[in-house]
Amino acid sequence: MSNLRDLSRRIDSITNTRQITRTMEMVSTARVGEALERASSAAPYKDAIKRMLAEVANSDSSSAQQPLLQVHESEDGVLFILIASDRGLAGGFNITLQRDVESRIRKLRAAGKRAEVITCGTKPTDYFRYRGIKPVLSFTGISAEPTTDEAMRIASFVIDGFVSGGFDRVDIVYNHARNRVQQEVVDEQLLPVDKASMVVPAAPRTRESLDKVEPKEYTDFLFDPSPARVLGYLMPAYIRTVIHHALLDSAAAEHGARRRAMKAATDNANEAITTLNRTYNRIRQGSITTELNEIIGGASALEDN
């Protein structure tokens, strides 16, 4: 009977856990659509400012003097912007990015170079602090609902650091939400801005079809004030926009990853409950059969007497 009681307790425990994972799955399902909509709404603005930047940067040779376009002679200082989440229970959403960036930081430091990280999210902040890598800048409590304030603070920090020579390269790492169920890691160079990459499709398109449209450079415009001055205004705005869009994109990916992880947990709980119920019924049936045999045997013994 003790075995039956243990199985019953285990079934009740897994049932309670299943209710939690099912609820979290439903919440993430509801939120992932809103998060994807926010990211999609920000994408056209990012594309528009990139198009304007391409027009200016390719219109005048003096744009090559823009500090954020300058490639430093050496890469002795590298800064990583890692965007993850405040909460766990999202599968490998956080740990994959964290381990990759940690490995790169340690390799750079072992080579005698400076490597630092900006963390967005409680999980990566705690991860690096526990391992003795103190973030130069950290943000917590904003992964699900990022705002432009965080993007502006990060952009201001990295621009000042790059222009002053504190950093020779800045990389941004985050999860991109391809759709409600698929996420992929994005690891791209933010600074210096690659002028060759500042060409965008002339026709409207989605982010997923970007590589299928023929790019075009814009060089047939006159500017007042000069292209260099216009570029000086546009470049910081472009950096802020890229960071803000990455924050929104990561938030959508977080909800999608958590939805998928919680669905897998709920499915596993259902399988475990089914297996335990079969075991419980088999043991219970066996105990009932044993009791019946004992009763029948006792009755037969009484009849013989």
Protein backbone atom coordinates (compact mmCIF):
# COMPACT_ATOMS: atom_id res chain seq x y z
CA MET A 1 0.00 0.00 0.00
CA SER A 2 2.90 2.34 0.69
CA ASN A 3 3.95 1.93 -2.95
CA LEU A 4 0.47 2.96 -4.08
CA ARG A 5 0.53 5.99 -1.81
CA ASP A 6 3.92 7.04 -3.21
CA LEU A 7 2.64 6.69 -6.77
CA SER A 8 -0.48 8.68 -5.92
CA ARG A 9 1.58 11.50 -4.41
CA ARG A 10 3.84 11.55 -7.47
CA ILE A 11 0.87 11.68 -9.84
CA ASP A 12 -0.62 14.59 -7.87
CA SER A 13 2.72 16.42 -7.89
CA ILE A 14 3.19 16.05 -11.65
CA THR A 15 -0.44 17.07 -12.22
CA ASN A 16 0.15 20.29 -10.29
CA THR A 17 3.33 20.94 -12.27
CA ARG A 18 1.44 20.34 -15.50
CA GLN A 19 -1.10 22.99 -14.54
CA ILE A 20 1.74 25.50 -14.05
CA THR A 21 3.50 24.68 -17.33
CA ARG A 22 0.20 24.71 -19.21
CA THR A 23 -0.66 28.13 -17.79
CA MET A 24 2.78 29.51 -18.69
CA GLU A 25 2.41 28.11 -22.19
CA MET A 26 -0.93 29.87 -22.61
CA VAL A 27 0.47 33.16 -21.29
CA SER A 28 3.46 33.02 -23.65
CA THR A 29 1.17 32.10 -26.55
CA ALA A 30 -0.88 35.21 -25.89
CA ARG A 31 2.15 37.49 -25.49
CA VAL A 32 4.28 36.26 -28.38
CA GLY A 33 1.84 37.69 -30.91
CA GLU A 34 1.97 41.14 -29.32
CA ALA A 35 5.77 41.02 -29.10
CA LEU A 36 6.10 39.99 -32.74
CA GLU A 37 3.82 42.85 -33.71
CA ARG A 38 5.98 45.37 -31.84
CA ALA A 39 9.13 44.03 -33.50
CA SER A 40 7.49 44.06 -36.93
CA SER A 41 6.25 47.61 -36.40
CA ALA A 42 9.79 48.79 -35.60
CA ALA A 43 11.36 47.03 -38.59
CA PRO A 44 10.19 49.54 -41.25
CA TYR A 45 11.69 52.43 -39.27
CA LYS A 46 14.98 50.55 -39.01
CA ASP A 47 14.94 49.89 -42.75
CA ALA A 48 14.05 53.49 -43.55
CA ILE A 49 16.89 54.97 -41.51
CA LYS A 50 19.27 52.42 -42.99
CA ARG A 51 18.15 53.49 -46.47
CA MET A 52 18.72 57.15 -45.61
CA LEU A 53 22.13 56.27 -44.19
CA ALA A 54 23.03 54.42 -47.37
CA GLU A 55 22.00 57.39 -49.50
CA VAL A 56 24.17 59.79 -47.50
CA ALA A 57 27.17 57.51 -46.97
CA ASN A 58 27.43 56.65 -50.66
CA SER A 59 26.86 60.19 -51.91
CA ASP A 60 30.10 61.82 -50.81
CA SER A 61 33.65 60.60 -50.22
CA SER A 62 33.97 62.82 -47.16
CA SER A 63 31.61 60.47 -45.32
CA ALA A 64 34.60 58.18 -44.88
CA GLN A 65 35.76 60.54 -42.13
CA GLN A 66 32.72 59.74 -39.98
CA PRO A 67 34.16 58.28 -36.72
CA LEU A 68 31.63 55.46 -36.50
CA LEU A 69 32.68 54.26 -39.96
CA GLN A 70 36.40 54.21 -39.14
CA VAL A 71 38.02 50.80 -38.77
CA HIS A 72 40.63 50.96 -36.02
CA GLU A 73 44.14 49.76 -36.77
CA SER A 74 43.91 47.03 -34.14
CA GLU A 75 41.14 45.33 -32.23
CA ASP A 76 42.59 45.47 -28.74
CA GLY A 77 39.25 46.31 -27.14
CA VAL A 78 36.05 44.44 -27.93
CA LEU A 79 32.63 45.07 -26.40
CA PHE A 80 29.74 42.62 -26.57
CA ILE A 81 26.09 43.66 -26.18
CA LEU A 82 24.30 40.53 -24.99
CA ILE A 83 20.50 40.64 -25.02
CA ALA A 84 18.78 37.77 -23.21
CA SER A 85 15.94 37.54 -20.66
CA ASP A 86 15.04 38.25 -17.05
CA ARG A 87 13.39 34.89 -16.48
CA GLY A 88 14.29 31.29 -17.19
CA LEU A 89 12.09 28.33 -18.18
CA ALA A 90 12.74 29.07 -21.84
CA GLY A 91 14.88 26.12 -22.86
CA GLY A 92 18.33 27.10 -24.13
CA PHE A 93 17.30 30.68 -24.87
CA ASN A 94 19.77 32.21 -22.39
CA ILE A 95 22.49 29.64 -21.83
CA THR A 96 23.48 29.29 -25.49
CA LEU A 97 24.20 33.01 -25.86
CA GLN A 98 25.83 33.30 -22.44
CA ARG A 99 28.28 30.44 -22.98
CA ASP A 100 29.22 31.67 -26.45
CA VAL A 101 29.97 35.23 -25.30
CA GLU A 102 31.78 34.01 -22.17
CA SER A 103 34.01 31.77 -24.30
CA ARG A 104 34.88 34.62 -26.65
CA ILE A 105 35.62 37.02 -23.79
CA ARG A 106 37.97 34.54 -22.11
CA LYS A 107 39.78 33.83 -25.39
CA LEU A 108 40.27 37.55 -26.05
CA ARG A 109 41.51 38.17 -22.52
CA ALA A 110 43.85 35.20 -22.74
CA ALA A 111 45.30 36.80 -25.87
CA GLY A 112 46.03 39.98 -23.91
CA LYS A 113 43.11 41.98 -25.28
CA ARG A 114 40.37 43.87 -23.46
CA ALA A 115 36.92 42.31 -23.68
CA GLU A 116 33.83 43.60 -21.89
CA VAL A 117 30.11 42.90 -22.00
CA ILE A 118 26.86 44.84 -21.65
CA THR A 119 24.09 42.57 -20.38
CA CYS A 120 20.37 43.07 -20.97
CA GLY A 121 18.42 40.73 -18.72
CA THR A 122 18.71 39.36 -15.19
CA LYS A 123 19.87 35.93 -16.32
CA PRO A 124 22.98 37.04 -18.26
CA THR A 125 23.80 39.66 -15.61
CA ASP A 126 23.82 37.05 -12.84
CA TYR A 127 25.60 34.53 -15.07
CA PHE A 128 28.60 36.76 -15.76
CA ARG A 129 28.84 38.19 -12.26
CA TYR A 130 28.91 34.67 -10.80
CA ARG A 131 31.79 33.82 -13.15
CA GLY A 132 33.83 36.87 -12.26
CA ILE A 133 33.07 38.89 -15.41
CA LYS A 134 31.48 42.15 -14.28
CA PRO A 135 29.33 43.79 -16.98
CA VAL A 136 30.29 47.39 -17.75
CA LEU A 137 26.59 48.14 -18.07
CA SER A 138 23.59 46.00 -17.14
CA PHE A 139 19.81 46.24 -17.47
CA THR A 140 17.30 44.06 -15.61
CA GLY A 141 13.54 43.89 -15.55
CA ILE A 142 13.07 45.11 -19.13
CA SER A 143 13.46 42.02 -21.31
CA ALA A 144 9.71 41.48 -21.82
CA GLU A 145 8.85 45.18 -22.30
CA PRO A 146 11.94 47.04 -23.59
CA THR A 147 11.75 50.78 -24.18
CA THR A 148 13.76 53.34 -26.12
CA ASP A 149 15.40 54.56 -22.89
CA GLU A 150 17.54 51.44 -22.60
CA ALA A 151 18.47 51.64 -26.29
CA MET A 152 19.51 55.29 -25.92
CA ARG A 153 21.68 54.58 -22.86
CA ILE A 154 23.39 51.64 -24.52
CA ALA A 155 23.91 53.56 -27.79
CA SER A 156 25.36 56.56 -25.96
CA PHE A 157 27.77 54.34 -24.02
CA VAL A 158 29.05 52.38 -27.03
CA ILE A 159 29.35 55.43 -29.29
CA ASP A 160 31.35 57.37 -26.69
CA GLY A 161 33.53 54.33 -26.02
CA PHE A 162 34.19 53.68 -29.70
CA VAL A 163 34.95 57.28 -30.62
CA SER A 164 37.27 57.73 -27.63
CA GLY A 165 39.15 54.53 -28.48
CA GLY A 166 37.93 52.56 -25.47
CA PHE A 167 36.56 49.91 -27.83
CA ASP A 168 37.76 48.98 -31.30
CA ARG A 169 34.78 46.79 -32.15
CA VAL A 170 31.28 46.36 -30.78
CA ASP A 171 29.25 43.19 -31.44
CA ILE A 172 25.58 42.68 -30.61
CA VAL A 173 24.31 39.18 -29.81
CA TYR A 174 20.66 38.21 -29.37
CA ASN A 175 17.93 35.80 -30.47
CA HIS A 176 15.88 36.75 -33.51
CA ALA A 177 12.25 35.62 -33.64
CA ARG A 178 11.67 34.24 -37.12
CA ASN A 179 8.07 33.42 -36.20
CA ARG A 180 6.04 32.19 -33.23
CA VAL A 181 7.97 28.95 -32.85
CA GLN A 182 11.41 29.49 -34.42
CA GLN A 183 14.30 31.52 -33.05
CA GLU A 184 17.82 31.95 -34.36
CA VAL A 185 20.96 33.51 -32.91
CA VAL A 186 22.05 36.83 -34.39
CA ASP A 187 25.69 37.84 -33.92
CA GLU A 188 26.60 40.95 -35.88
CA GLN A 189 29.12 43.74 -35.78
CA LEU A 190 27.54 46.98 -34.66
CA LEU A 191 30.64 49.22 -34.71
CA PRO A 192 32.43 50.18 -36.80
CA VAL A 193 29.50 50.37 -39.19
CA ASP A 194 30.42 48.53 -42.38
CA LYS A 195 29.81 50.96 -45.24
CA ALA A 196 29.59 48.09 -47.71
CA SER A 197 26.63 46.68 -45.78
CA MET A 198 24.71 49.95 -45.97
CA VAL A 199 22.92 49.05 -49.15
CA VAL A 200 19.27 48.15 -48.96
CA PRO A 201 16.64 46.84 -51.38
CA ALA A 202 14.83 49.57 -53.31
CA ALA A 203 11.50 47.76 -53.14
CA PRO A 204 9.50 47.13 -49.94
CA ARG A 205 10.18 43.70 -48.46
CA THR A 206 10.07 41.66 -45.30
CA ARG A 207 13.12 40.93 -43.18
CA GLU A 208 13.03 37.26 -44.20
CA SER A 209 13.27 38.11 -47.94
CA LEU A 210 16.09 40.64 -47.55
CA ASP A 211 18.67 38.37 -49.17
CA LYS A 212 16.39 37.68 -52.14
CA VAL A 213 16.13 41.28 -53.35
CA GLU A 214 18.79 42.95 -55.45
CA PRO A 215 20.45 45.73 -53.37
CA LYS A 216 20.90 49.22 -54.74
CA GLU A 217 23.12 52.12 -53.77
CA TYR A 218 21.70 55.64 -53.76
CA THR A 219 24.09 58.28 -55.06
CA ASP A 220 21.96 60.76 -57.04
CA PHE A 221 21.01 63.24 -54.31
CA LEU A 222 22.04 66.75 -53.30
CA PHE A 223 22.23 67.51 -49.59
CA ASP A 224 21.91 70.68 -47.55
CA PRO A 225 23.63 70.79 -45.11
CA SER A 226 26.59 68.72 -46.30
CA PRO A 227 26.45 64.91 -46.36
CA ALA A 228 29.03 64.78 -43.59
CA ARG A 229 26.82 66.82 -41.24
CA VAL A 230 23.71 64.87 -42.16
CA LEU A 231 25.62 61.65 -41.55
CA GLY A 232 26.68 62.95 -38.15
CA TYR A 233 23.00 63.20 -37.16
CA LEU A 234 21.91 59.95 -38.77
CA MET A 235 24.64 57.65 -37.51
CA PRO A 236 23.81 57.82 -33.76
CA ALA A 237 20.11 57.50 -34.61
CA TYR A 238 20.90 54.40 -36.65
CA ILE A 239 22.83 52.80 -33.77
CA ARG A 240 19.96 53.53 -31.35
CA THR A 241 17.45 52.08 -33.78
CA VAL A 242 19.41 48.87 -34.33
CA ILE A 243 19.75 48.32 -30.57
CA HIS A 244 16.10 49.10 -29.89
CA HIS A 245 14.94 46.74 -32.61
CA ALA A 246 17.23 44.01 -31.24
CA LEU A 247 15.63 44.45 -27.80
CA LEU A 248 12.14 44.13 -29.28
CA ASP A 249 13.16 41.18 -31.43
CA SER A 250 14.69 39.39 -28.44
CA ALA A 251 11.52 39.95 -26.39
CA ALA A 252 9.45 38.24 -29.09
CA ALA A 253 11.95 35.39 -29.31
CA GLU A 254 11.84 34.97 -25.52
CA HIS A 255 8.07 34.45 -25.49
CA GLY A 256 8.33 32.03 -28.40
CA ALA A 257 11.10 30.03 -26.74
CA ARG A 258 9.21 29.88 -23.43
CA ARG A 259 6.04 28.78 -25.19
CA ARG A 260 7.90 25.96 -26.88
CA ALA A 261 9.69 24.92 -23.68
CA MET A 262 6.47 24.93 -21.64
CA LYS A 263 4.63 22.95 -24.30
CA ALA A 264 7.38 20.33 -24.23
CA ALA A 265 7.20 20.25 -20.41
CA THR A 266 3.40 19.85 -20.52
CA ASP A 267 3.67 17.03 -23.04
CA ASN A 268 6.28 15.28 -20.90
CA ALA A 269 4.05 15.66 -17.85
CA ASN A 270 1.14 14.09 -19.73
CA GLU A 271 3.30 11.13 -20.72
CA ALA A 272 4.60 10.71 -17.16
CA ILE A 273 1.08 10.84 -15.70
CA THR A 274 -0.15 8.26 -18.23
CA THR A 275 2.74 5.91 -17.40
CA LEU A 276 2.30 6.33 -13.64
CA ASN A 277 -1.45 5.74 -13.88
CA ARG A 278 -0.84 2.48 -15.72
CA THR A 279 1.67 1.42 -13.09
CA TYR A 280 -0.71 2.43 -10.31
CA ASN A 281 -3.62 0.50 -11.84
CA ARG A 282 -1.45 -2.57 -12.46
CA ILE A 283 -0.19 -2.65 -8.86
CA ARG A 284 -3.67 -1.96 -7.49
CA GLN A 285 -5.15 -4.73 -9.64
CA GLY A 286 -2.43 -7.08 -8.46
CA SER A 287 -3.10 -6.25 -4.80
CA ILE A 288 -6.84 -6.78 -5.28
CA THR A 289 -6.20 -10.12 -6.96
CA THR A 290 -3.95 -11.17 -4.07
CA GLU A 291 -6.58 -10.18 -1.51
CA LEU A 292 -9.27 -12.12 -3.40
CA ASN A 293 -7.05 -15.20 -3.53
CA GLU A 294 -6.43 -14.94 0.19
CA ILE A 295 -10.17 -14.64 0.90
CA ILE A 296 -11.00 -17.57 -1.36
CA GLY A 297 -8.22 -19.61 0.21
CA GLY A 298 -9.45 -18.78 3.70
CA ALA A 299 -13.03 -19.71 2.78
CA SER A 300 -11.89 -23.02 1.31
CA ALA A 301 -9.94 -23.83 4.48
CA LEU A 302 -13.03 -23.14 6.60
CA GLU A 303 -15.14 -25.45 4.41
CA ASP A 304 -12.58 -28.22 4.73
CA ASN A 305 -12.72 -27.93 8.50
